Structure formats: C-alpha cells, structure tokens
Amino acid sequence: MSELTHVELVWLKKRVENWIRFGRTAEEHVLDRQRRIVSFAPGNIFAFVRWTSSDYGTVVSRIDILRAVGPGERYSTVPYVRPGGESLLRLSGWPTVEKVLQAIDAIEALKIDPPDAAPEHWRHIHNRLSVGEQPRPYTRSRHQAWLHRRRVAP
C-alpha cells in the first residue's frame, strides 16, 4: 500500500468542485476530464476545498487543512481523502470558508508558503472561527519562532 495520502479532485461544472488551495503534491494522476488524484507525502500540509450545489443553490462549502500521515499514524477520515489525514482545520459554510481563504492569502502576502506555516496556527484559526471570533494574524515573528522550534525539537 502506498505511503502517500491521495485526494480525489472532482470538477462538474456548476455542480461539484473539489480543489487543493495549497500543498506540495508528490504525484498527480488524471483519471478523466472531470477527475484527477493528487497525492501528498507524509508530513505535508495541504488545504482541500469542497463545494457542491443543487438546482436551489450551494449545498456544501467546506475547507479542510490536513497533514498527510505516514503508516501507522492516527488520522481523521475525510471524504475524497485516502486514507485520511491529521485534521488541523475543518470548517464549513461559505462565509467561514471565505475567512479561511483570506487568512491563507494573508500568509502568502508575507511571502510565506502556507504549508510552511505553523500547524498550531491552522488549529488557532479553526478554534476561533468555529466560535465566531476573529483569529489573530500570522506574523513573520511567529513564523520565525515556529522555524526555530522545529529545528530545536524535531
């Protein structure tokens, strides 16, 4: 069995859109015009966005930020993700998803690649937005502290 975490991406015009907002893919396989599978190596962090609509409007808007797991690690199951991943953030509802996307944009504006941001920051965003509070912004000093902590305690 592969050590990679596989994510099925689906695009059906005006019906289903699953996409990766950020992450470093290890492999990609195109299945057909509407589906492909992207894979992530253990330890990689990625954002997976799902949107579904019906004839009456949006049915699902969800974002998951996950860490790809290695063999024997515990994980949460997520639709379209095999086997699953360590959940750092899981939010639904378009207004909330949009706030997460804005937080990702803010990290990129600092010239920091979102997969390199501290995993605790994604958990912080999840916790704050899930109770209707505004999360603290990610800063260069927080990022430097995270990089230092990662070097000191692997």
N, C-alpha and C. Protein backbone atom coordinates (compact mmCIF):
# COMPACT_ATOMS: atom_id res chain seq x y z
N MET A 1 0.84 -1.19 0.00
CA MET A 1 0.00 0.00 0.00
C MET A 1 0.89 1.25 0.00
N SER A 2 0.49 2.24 -0.71
CA SER A 2 1.24 3.48 -0.85
C SER A 2 1.30 4.23 0.48
N GLU A 3 2.44 4.87 0.74
CA GLU A 3 2.59 5.70 1.93
C GLU A 3 2.01 7.09 1.71
N LEU A 4 1.57 7.38 0.50
CA LEU A 4 1.06 8.71 0.17
C LEU A 4 -0.40 8.86 0.60
N THR A 5 -0.80 10.10 0.81
CA THR A 5 -2.21 10.43 1.04
C THR A 5 -2.77 10.90 -0.29
N HIS A 6 -3.85 10.26 -0.73
CA HIS A 6 -4.43 10.54 -2.04
C HIS A 6 -5.72 11.35 -1.89
N VAL A 7 -5.87 12.37 -2.73
CA VAL A 7 -7.06 13.22 -2.70
C VAL A 7 -7.67 13.22 -4.09
N GLU A 8 -8.95 12.85 -4.17
CA GLU A 8 -9.65 12.86 -5.45
C GLU A 8 -10.26 14.24 -5.67
N LEU A 9 -9.88 14.85 -6.77
CA LEU A 9 -10.40 16.17 -7.13
C LEU A 9 -11.42 15.99 -8.24
N VAL A 10 -12.59 16.59 -8.05
CA VAL A 10 -13.69 16.45 -8.99
C VAL A 10 -14.14 17.84 -9.42
N TRP A 11 -14.43 17.97 -10.70
CA TRP A 11 -14.98 19.23 -11.20
C TRP A 11 -16.10 18.90 -12.18
N LEU A 12 -17.33 19.19 -11.77
CA LEU A 12 -18.51 19.08 -12.63
C LEU A 12 -19.12 20.46 -12.67
N LYS A 13 -19.09 21.10 -13.81
CA LYS A 13 -19.48 22.50 -13.95
C LYS A 13 -20.78 22.83 -13.23
N LYS A 14 -20.70 23.82 -12.34
CA LYS A 14 -21.83 24.34 -11.56
C LYS A 14 -22.47 23.31 -10.65
N ARG A 15 -21.79 22.18 -10.37
CA ARG A 15 -22.34 21.14 -9.51
C ARG A 15 -21.39 20.75 -8.38
N VAL A 16 -20.17 20.35 -8.75
CA VAL A 16 -19.20 19.87 -7.77
C VAL A 16 -17.83 20.42 -8.12
N GLU A 17 -17.17 20.99 -7.12
CA GLU A 17 -15.80 21.45 -7.30
C GLU A 17 -15.01 21.10 -6.06
N ASN A 18 -14.03 20.21 -6.22
CA ASN A 18 -13.10 19.88 -5.15
C ASN A 18 -11.74 20.32 -5.64
N TRP A 19 -11.03 21.12 -4.85
CA TRP A 19 -9.72 21.57 -5.29
C TRP A 19 -8.77 21.72 -4.12
N ILE A 20 -7.49 21.74 -4.44
CA ILE A 20 -6.44 21.96 -3.46
C ILE A 20 -6.09 23.44 -3.49
N ARG A 21 -6.19 24.11 -2.35
CA ARG A 21 -5.84 25.54 -2.29
C ARG A 21 -4.34 25.72 -2.14
N PHE A 22 -3.70 24.86 -1.34
CA PHE A 22 -2.25 24.87 -1.24
C PHE A 22 -1.77 23.50 -0.82
N GLY A 23 -0.51 23.25 -1.05
CA GLY A 23 0.11 21.98 -0.69
C GLY A 23 1.11 21.56 -1.76
N ARG A 24 2.05 20.74 -1.36
CA ARG A 24 3.09 20.25 -2.28
C ARG A 24 2.77 18.82 -2.69
N THR A 25 2.32 18.65 -3.91
CA THR A 25 1.93 17.33 -4.37
C THR A 25 3.16 16.50 -4.72
N ALA A 26 3.07 15.21 -4.39
CA ALA A 26 4.14 14.27 -4.72
C ALA A 26 3.84 13.60 -6.06
N GLU A 27 2.56 13.39 -6.34
CA GLU A 27 2.14 12.74 -7.58
C GLU A 27 0.80 13.31 -8.02
N GLU A 28 0.53 13.16 -9.30
CA GLU A 28 -0.78 13.54 -9.84
C GLU A 28 -1.15 12.58 -10.95
N HIS A 29 -2.38 12.07 -10.90
CA HIS A 29 -2.90 11.17 -11.93
C HIS A 29 -4.21 11.71 -12.45
N VAL A 30 -4.29 11.93 -13.74
CA VAL A 30 -5.53 12.38 -14.37
C VAL A 30 -6.34 11.15 -14.71
N LEU A 31 -7.56 11.08 -14.17
CA LEU A 31 -8.43 9.94 -14.44
C LEU A 31 -9.28 10.18 -15.69
N ASP A 32 -9.85 11.37 -15.79
CA ASP A 32 -10.62 11.77 -16.96
C ASP A 32 -10.75 13.29 -16.92
N ARG A 33 -11.60 13.85 -17.76
CA ARG A 33 -11.71 15.32 -17.84
C ARG A 33 -12.23 15.96 -16.57
N GLN A 34 -12.98 15.21 -15.78
CA GLN A 34 -13.56 15.77 -14.56
C GLN A 34 -12.87 15.34 -13.27
N ARG A 35 -12.00 14.35 -13.34
CA ARG A 35 -11.41 13.81 -12.10
C ARG A 35 -9.91 13.60 -12.23
N ARG A 36 -9.24 13.90 -11.12
CA ARG A 36 -7.82 13.57 -11.02
C ARG A 36 -7.50 13.29 -9.56
N ILE A 37 -6.40 12.62 -9.33
CA ILE A 37 -5.98 12.29 -7.98
C ILE A 37 -4.61 12.92 -7.75
N VAL A 38 -4.51 13.70 -6.68
CA VAL A 38 -3.22 14.27 -6.28
C VAL A 38 -2.83 13.58 -4.97
N SER A 39 -1.52 13.40 -4.80
CA SER A 39 -1.02 12.67 -3.64
C SER A 39 0.02 13.50 -2.90
N PHE A 40 0.06 13.32 -1.59
CA PHE A 40 0.95 14.06 -0.71
C PHE A 40 1.78 13.09 0.12
N ALA A 41 3.06 13.41 0.29
CA ALA A 41 3.94 12.61 1.12
C ALA A 41 3.63 12.85 2.59
N PRO A 42 3.93 11.88 3.45
CA PRO A 42 3.69 12.05 4.88
C PRO A 42 4.34 13.33 5.41
N GLY A 43 3.60 14.04 6.26
CA GLY A 43 4.09 15.26 6.86
C GLY A 43 3.71 16.52 6.11
N ASN A 44 3.34 16.39 4.84
CA ASN A 44 2.95 17.57 4.06
C ASN A 44 1.58 18.08 4.49
N ILE A 45 1.47 19.40 4.54
CA ILE A 45 0.20 20.05 4.92
C ILE A 45 -0.44 20.61 3.65
N PHE A 46 -1.75 20.40 3.54
CA PHE A 46 -2.47 20.89 2.37
C PHE A 46 -3.88 21.32 2.75
N ALA A 47 -4.44 22.20 1.91
CA ALA A 47 -5.81 22.68 2.11
C ALA A 47 -6.68 22.10 1.01
N PHE A 48 -7.77 21.47 1.40
CA PHE A 48 -8.70 20.81 0.49
C PHE A 48 -10.06 21.50 0.61
N VAL A 49 -10.54 22.05 -0.50
CA VAL A 49 -11.80 22.79 -0.51
C VAL A 49 -12.83 21.98 -1.29
N ARG A 50 -14.03 21.87 -0.72
CA ARG A 50 -15.14 21.17 -1.39
C ARG A 50 -16.33 22.10 -1.49
N TRP A 51 -16.92 22.13 -2.67
CA TRP A 51 -18.11 22.94 -2.91
C TRP A 51 -19.06 22.12 -3.76
N THR A 52 -20.33 22.08 -3.36
CA THR A 52 -21.36 21.34 -4.10
C THR A 52 -22.61 22.20 -4.15
N SER A 53 -23.30 22.16 -5.30
CA SER A 53 -24.56 22.89 -5.41
C SER A 53 -25.63 21.99 -5.98
N SER A 54 -26.85 22.46 -5.85
CA SER A 54 -28.01 21.79 -6.45
C SER A 54 -28.74 22.82 -7.28
N ASP A 55 -29.92 22.48 -7.76
CA ASP A 55 -30.72 23.43 -8.53
C ASP A 55 -31.15 24.63 -7.69
N TYR A 56 -31.06 24.49 -6.37
CA TYR A 56 -31.54 25.54 -5.47
C TYR A 56 -30.42 26.34 -4.82
N GLY A 57 -29.18 26.05 -5.14
CA GLY A 57 -28.06 26.81 -4.57
C GLY A 57 -27.01 25.92 -3.95
N THR A 58 -26.11 26.53 -3.20
CA THR A 58 -24.99 25.81 -2.59
C THR A 58 -25.49 24.84 -1.53
N VAL A 59 -24.97 23.62 -1.59
CA VAL A 59 -25.31 22.59 -0.63
C VAL A 59 -24.16 22.42 0.37
N VAL A 60 -22.92 22.43 -0.12
CA VAL A 60 -21.75 22.22 0.72
C VAL A 60 -20.67 23.22 0.37
N SER A 61 -20.12 23.89 1.37
CA SER A 61 -18.89 24.67 1.26
C SER A 61 -18.07 24.26 2.45
N ARG A 62 -16.93 23.63 2.20
CA ARG A 62 -16.12 23.12 3.31
C ARG A 62 -14.65 23.26 2.96
N ILE A 63 -13.83 23.54 3.98
CA ILE A 63 -12.39 23.53 3.82
C ILE A 63 -11.78 22.69 4.93
N ASP A 64 -10.84 21.86 4.55
CA ASP A 64 -10.08 21.05 5.50
C ASP A 64 -8.61 21.37 5.28
N ILE A 65 -7.89 21.64 6.34
CA ILE A 65 -6.43 21.73 6.25
C ILE A 65 -5.92 20.51 7.00
N LEU A 66 -5.21 19.68 6.26
CA LEU A 66 -4.79 18.38 6.75
C LEU A 66 -3.28 18.21 6.65
N ARG A 67 -2.74 17.36 7.54
CA ARG A 67 -1.36 16.92 7.43
C ARG A 67 -1.41 15.49 6.96
N ALA A 68 -0.72 15.19 5.85
CA ALA A 68 -0.68 13.83 5.34
C ALA A 68 0.04 12.95 6.37
N VAL A 69 -0.53 11.79 6.62
CA VAL A 69 0.02 10.90 7.65
C VAL A 69 0.85 9.79 7.02
N GLY A 70 1.73 9.24 7.84
CA GLY A 70 2.53 8.10 7.43
C GLY A 70 1.90 6.81 7.94
N PRO A 71 2.48 5.67 7.55
CA PRO A 71 1.95 4.38 8.00
C PRO A 71 1.94 4.28 9.53
N GLY A 72 0.82 3.79 10.07
CA GLY A 72 0.70 3.59 11.49
C GLY A 72 0.27 4.82 12.29
N GLU A 73 0.20 5.99 11.65
CA GLU A 73 -0.23 7.20 12.35
C GLU A 73 -1.75 7.26 12.40
N ARG A 74 -2.27 7.89 13.44
CA ARG A 74 -3.71 8.08 13.55
C ARG A 74 -4.14 9.18 12.59
N TYR A 75 -5.37 9.08 12.12
CA TYR A 75 -5.88 10.09 11.19
C TYR A 75 -7.38 10.20 11.28
N SER A 76 -7.89 11.33 10.78
CA SER A 76 -9.33 11.53 10.65
C SER A 76 -9.72 11.20 9.22
N THR A 77 -10.89 10.62 9.06
CA THR A 77 -11.36 10.35 7.71
C THR A 77 -12.03 11.60 7.16
N VAL A 78 -11.81 11.84 5.88
CA VAL A 78 -12.38 12.98 5.18
C VAL A 78 -12.84 12.47 3.81
N PRO A 79 -14.05 12.81 3.38
CA PRO A 79 -14.48 12.37 2.05
C PRO A 79 -13.47 12.77 0.98
N TYR A 80 -13.23 11.88 0.05
CA TYR A 80 -12.32 12.05 -1.09
C TYR A 80 -10.85 11.99 -0.71
N VAL A 81 -10.52 11.75 0.56
CA VAL A 81 -9.13 11.67 1.00
C VAL A 81 -8.86 10.26 1.52
N ARG A 82 -7.85 9.59 0.93
CA ARG A 82 -7.50 8.23 1.34
C ARG A 82 -6.05 8.20 1.81
N PRO A 83 -5.75 7.70 2.97
CA PRO A 83 -6.69 7.12 3.93
C PRO A 83 -7.41 8.18 4.75
N GLY A 84 -6.82 9.34 4.89
CA GLY A 84 -7.36 10.44 5.68
C GLY A 84 -6.17 11.32 6.04
N GLY A 85 -6.30 12.15 7.05
CA GLY A 85 -5.19 13.00 7.45
C GLY A 85 -5.38 13.52 8.86
N GLU A 86 -4.31 14.07 9.40
CA GLU A 86 -4.41 14.73 10.69
C GLU A 86 -5.11 16.06 10.47
N SER A 87 -6.24 16.25 11.08
CA SER A 87 -7.04 17.45 10.87
C SER A 87 -6.50 18.62 11.67
N LEU A 88 -6.09 19.67 10.95
CA LEU A 88 -5.63 20.90 11.59
C LEU A 88 -6.75 21.94 11.60
N LEU A 89 -7.61 21.88 10.61
CA LEU A 89 -8.73 22.82 10.49
C LEU A 89 -9.82 22.14 9.68
N ARG A 90 -11.06 22.29 10.13
CA ARG A 90 -12.20 21.75 9.38
C ARG A 90 -13.39 22.65 9.63
N LEU A 91 -13.74 23.44 8.62
CA LEU A 91 -14.83 24.39 8.76
C LEU A 91 -15.75 24.33 7.56
N SER A 92 -17.00 24.72 7.78
CA SER A 92 -17.95 24.69 6.67
C SER A 92 -18.80 25.95 6.69
N GLY A 93 -19.48 26.17 5.58
CA GLY A 93 -20.29 27.37 5.39
C GLY A 93 -19.47 28.42 4.65
N TRP A 94 -20.01 28.93 3.55
CA TRP A 94 -19.21 29.80 2.70
C TRP A 94 -18.61 31.01 3.42
N PRO A 95 -19.34 31.73 4.28
CA PRO A 95 -18.70 32.88 4.95
C PRO A 95 -17.46 32.49 5.76
N THR A 96 -17.52 31.33 6.42
CA THR A 96 -16.38 30.87 7.21
C THR A 96 -15.25 30.39 6.30
N VAL A 97 -15.59 29.64 5.26
CA VAL A 97 -14.57 29.18 4.30
C VAL A 97 -13.86 30.38 3.69
N GLU A 98 -14.63 31.41 3.36
CA GLU A 98 -14.03 32.61 2.77
C GLU A 98 -13.03 33.26 3.73
N LYS A 99 -13.34 33.27 5.02
CA LYS A 99 -12.40 33.83 6.01
C LYS A 99 -11.11 33.02 6.07
N VAL A 100 -11.23 31.71 5.95
CA VAL A 100 -10.02 30.87 5.94
C VAL A 100 -9.20 31.17 4.68
N LEU A 101 -9.87 31.29 3.54
CA LEU A 101 -9.15 31.62 2.30
C LEU A 101 -8.45 32.97 2.41
N GLN A 102 -9.08 33.92 3.09
CA GLN A 102 -8.45 35.23 3.31
C GLN A 102 -7.23 35.10 4.23
N ALA A 103 -7.31 34.24 5.23
CA ALA A 103 -6.17 34.01 6.13
C ALA A 103 -5.01 33.38 5.35
N ILE A 104 -5.32 32.49 4.43
CA ILE A 104 -4.28 31.89 3.58
C ILE A 104 -3.65 32.96 2.71
N ASP A 105 -4.48 33.82 2.12
CA ASP A 105 -3.96 34.93 1.30
C ASP A 105 -3.04 35.83 2.12
N ALA A 106 -3.39 36.09 3.38
CA ALA A 106 -2.58 36.96 4.23
C ALA A 106 -1.22 36.33 4.51
N ILE A 107 -1.17 35.03 4.69
CA ILE A 107 0.11 34.34 4.90
C ILE A 107 0.95 34.43 3.64
N GLU A 108 0.32 34.23 2.49
CA GLU A 108 1.05 34.35 1.22
C GLU A 108 1.55 35.78 1.01
N ALA A 109 0.82 36.77 1.47
CA ALA A 109 1.24 38.17 1.33
C ALA A 109 2.52 38.44 2.12
N LEU A 110 2.78 37.63 3.15
CA LEU A 110 4.02 37.74 3.92
C LEU A 110 5.18 37.02 3.23
N LYS A 111 4.91 36.47 2.03
CA LYS A 111 5.91 35.68 1.27
C LYS A 111 6.26 34.39 2.01
N ILE A 112 5.27 33.83 2.71
CA ILE A 112 5.42 32.55 3.40
C ILE A 112 4.52 31.55 2.69
N ASP A 113 5.07 30.40 2.35
CA ASP A 113 4.28 29.35 1.71
C ASP A 113 3.36 28.73 2.78
N PRO A 114 2.04 28.73 2.59
CA PRO A 114 1.12 28.24 3.63
C PRO A 114 1.45 26.85 4.20
N PRO A 115 1.97 25.89 3.40
CA PRO A 115 2.31 24.60 4.03
C PRO A 115 3.43 24.72 5.06
N ASP A 116 4.21 25.81 5.00
CA ASP A 116 5.30 26.00 5.94
C ASP A 116 4.86 26.71 7.22
N ALA A 117 3.64 27.23 7.26
CA ALA A 117 3.14 27.91 8.45
C ALA A 117 3.00 26.91 9.60
N ALA A 118 3.07 27.42 10.81
CA ALA A 118 2.96 26.57 11.99
C ALA A 118 1.61 25.85 12.02
N PRO A 119 1.61 24.52 12.21
CA PRO A 119 0.34 23.79 12.29
C PRO A 119 -0.58 24.35 13.37
N GLU A 120 0.00 24.87 14.46
CA GLU A 120 -0.81 25.44 15.53
C GLU A 120 -1.61 26.64 15.05
N HIS A 121 -1.11 27.34 14.05
CA HIS A 121 -1.86 28.50 13.54
C HIS A 121 -3.14 28.04 12.86
N TRP A 122 -3.09 26.94 12.12
CA TRP A 122 -4.30 26.43 11.48
C TRP A 122 -5.30 25.99 12.54
N ARG A 123 -4.81 25.37 13.62
CA ARG A 123 -5.72 24.98 14.71
C ARG A 123 -6.32 26.22 15.38
N HIS A 124 -5.50 27.25 15.54
CA HIS A 124 -5.98 28.51 16.13
C HIS A 124 -7.11 29.10 15.27
N ILE A 125 -6.90 29.14 13.95
CA ILE A 125 -7.94 29.67 13.05
C ILE A 125 -9.21 28.84 13.19
N HIS A 126 -9.06 27.52 13.20
CA HIS A 126 -10.23 26.64 13.36
C HIS A 126 -10.99 26.97 14.65
N ASN A 127 -10.24 27.03 15.76
CA ASN A 127 -10.89 27.27 17.06
C ASN A 127 -11.59 28.62 17.11
N ARG A 128 -10.94 29.65 16.63
CA ARG A 128 -11.53 30.99 16.70
C ARG A 128 -12.75 31.12 15.78
N LEU A 129 -12.61 30.69 14.53
CA LEU A 129 -13.73 30.84 13.59
C LEU A 129 -14.91 29.95 13.97
N SER A 130 -14.64 28.80 14.57
CA SER A 130 -15.75 27.90 14.92
C SER A 130 -16.63 28.48 16.02
N VAL A 131 -16.13 29.48 16.77
CA VAL A 131 -16.95 30.13 17.79
C VAL A 131 -17.28 31.57 17.42
N GLY A 132 -17.04 31.92 16.16
CA GLY A 132 -17.42 33.24 15.67
C GLY A 132 -16.47 34.36 16.05
N GLU A 133 -15.27 34.04 16.44
CA GLU A 133 -14.28 35.05 16.81
C GLU A 133 -13.29 35.26 15.67
N GLN A 134 -12.61 36.38 15.69
CA GLN A 134 -11.61 36.71 14.67
C GLN A 134 -10.26 36.11 15.09
N PRO A 135 -9.62 35.33 14.22
CA PRO A 135 -8.30 34.78 14.58
C PRO A 135 -7.21 35.86 14.53
N ARG A 136 -6.17 35.63 15.31
CA ARG A 136 -5.01 36.52 15.25
C ARG A 136 -4.29 36.27 13.94
N PRO A 137 -3.72 37.32 13.35
CA PRO A 137 -2.99 37.12 12.09
C PRO A 137 -1.66 36.41 12.33
N TYR A 138 -1.22 35.71 11.33
CA TYR A 138 0.10 35.07 11.36
C TYR A 138 1.12 36.16 11.04
N THR A 139 2.23 36.16 11.76
CA THR A 139 3.23 37.20 11.56
C THR A 139 4.58 36.57 11.24
N ARG A 140 5.48 37.39 10.74
CA ARG A 140 6.84 36.91 10.46
C ARG A 140 7.52 36.44 11.73
N SER A 141 7.31 37.15 12.85
CA SER A 141 7.95 36.75 14.11
C SER A 141 7.41 35.40 14.59
N ARG A 142 6.11 35.16 14.44
CA ARG A 142 5.55 33.85 14.80
C ARG A 142 6.12 32.76 13.90
N HIS A 143 6.27 33.09 12.63
CA HIS A 143 6.83 32.11 11.70
C HIS A 143 8.28 31.80 12.06
N GLN A 144 9.06 32.81 12.38
CA GLN A 144 10.45 32.59 12.78
C GLN A 144 10.52 31.74 14.05
N ALA A 145 9.63 31.99 15.00
CA ALA A 145 9.59 31.19 16.23
C ALA A 145 9.26 29.73 15.90
N TRP A 146 8.32 29.51 14.98
CA TRP A 146 7.96 28.15 14.57
C TRP A 146 9.15 27.46 13.91
N LEU A 147 9.84 28.14 13.01
CA LEU A 147 11.00 27.55 12.34
C LEU A 147 12.09 27.20 13.35
N HIS A 148 12.31 28.07 14.32
CA HIS A 148 13.32 27.82 15.35
C HIS A 148 12.91 26.61 16.20
N ARG A 149 11.65 26.56 16.64
CA ARG A 149 11.16 25.44 17.44
C ARG A 149 11.27 24.12 16.68
N ARG A 150 11.00 24.16 15.38
CA ARG A 150 11.09 22.94 14.56
C ARG A 150 12.53 22.44 14.47
N ARG A 151 13.50 23.37 14.42
CA ARG A 151 14.90 22.99 14.36
C ARG A 151 15.37 22.41 15.70
N VAL A 152 14.92 23.00 16.80
CA VAL A 152 15.38 22.62 18.12
C VAL A 152 14.75 21.29 18.56
N ALA A 153 13.47 21.12 18.33
CA ALA A 153 12.76 19.92 18.77
C ALA A 153 12.08 19.26 17.58
N PRO A 154 12.80 18.41 16.86
CA PRO A 154 12.22 17.81 15.64
C PRO A 154 11.05 16.91 15.90
